[in-house]
Amino acid sequence: MKLLPIQTLQAVSIGLLMGAATHGCADTSNDKDNTNYYDYCDPEVAAAECYSTRRAPESAEVALATDIALRYIETHPYEVEEWDWKPGVLMHALAELYRVTGDTRLHDYYESWLDYRIAQGYQIVWSDSCPPAITAVALLKEAPNEAYQQVLDDTFEYLDVTAPRTEEGGISHNGILGNRASVWLDSLFMFGMVLNRASELEGNEARLEMMAEQSRIITGVLQDENGFMRHAQDWPGYDESIYWARGNSWVVAALADYLRIRVEREESDPELEGIFGKHVEAILGVQDESGMWQTVMSHPDEPDNVLETSASALFAYGIARAWRYGLLDDEARKQAQKAVAGIAANRVVDDVVTGVSTATDPWPLRSPTGGEDGYLDVPVEDDVNYGVGAVILALIETSGLPE
């Protein structure tokens, strides 16, 4: 296996990202020699072996991820996990952990869940219906399966044909359930990760181009000049001064995975690299001393503004993944590792993930009604499936890295 030093991204003002002109990240050609990154292995090394070895199966991070995963699946029967984004994130994380450990208990759980949900029947009607297809892709990589292929086909029927679109061409987050077309940050993970992984499974350039197109549309509408991103487009009652951490973290995670595919294909996407770099710069600039991030990053002094686990984990996952593929520098890597250390020390108790904010719509900062319709009023709970998944992903992606 061949380990080479990383290459780095376009320079930005605080120096977290380094000069692309010097290091080649701004090259627009599709015939680059992109072998200069941490996760590169010599061609004779099988991709599965490369992925697993680079993440150090015997590491403390993988051991903790496994303990968290096994405790969760032992106490939550797969039948109680619905067809939705929340278990979709968990199952994706379990599939990624299985790639590292080969622990069949993980595989049995997410495969049984998908089989059960298919048998029960499902609908794909909005962005949040799409994440189960990520698990279908993982299983289809192992062997053809008509039922799993149907899940993927149904997802693309929705994305290609059924999903309402905004004037800019963005896929409306609330799909056919909504009464107005609006893009949300969440969608870039919810359907974007399906596009990423399906493009690899099928060798389908159109899927990757669709991810690029939607990424440009959504970030173009929602990213401000300071690099942060607003939660939703033109949504009634939403306070556009709010930068919600988990919404921003969905983007970091999904774009890191998309750019990873470009690097592996010896290609580049300078526009989205620049958008990603500017975003990460902003995110790292507001990281708490604990290593975590507050749930509302734009209002650091507000009472009840908690350090939130799922967003912190997804930021760490995306930043570490981007570093592995030469897109961020060592300082960014260290901040991702600091985030995971903070989560492990403060938010994992007896293998239970704690401090996860529950489902959040685009709202004002505080509830005008005294209810839960404000970002700072959203309940924070323990042992939440997508929070567990986010922490597992972060532990996997920071495992095996240099100190």
Foldseek 3Di string as FASTA:
>chain_A
DDAAAFAWAPADDVRQTDHCVVRVQQDQDLQFPQQHFGLHDPPVDDPLNSLQVLLPCPFPLLVLLVQLLVVLCVVDQLVVDAQWQQLLLLLLLLLSSCSRHVPVVSVVRLVVNVVVRLVVDDADFFLGNQSNLLNLLSVVLVDDDPSSVVSLVRNVCCVVPQFDADPLGAGAGRGPVDPDRKDFLLSCQSCVSSLLSVCVSVVPVVSLVVSVSNLCSQCVQFADPQLAGAGMHPDPAFDSLWRFLQSLLSSLLSLLSSQLVSSVSSRHDNVSLVSNVSNLVSVLVQQDPLLFAFRTSSCVPDPLRDRAQLSLLSSLLSQLSNNRSNHTDPVSNVSSVSSLVSQVVPAADSSKGFRHFDDADRHDQDDPVPAQRHSSSGDTGIRRSSSSSSSSSSSSSSRNDDD
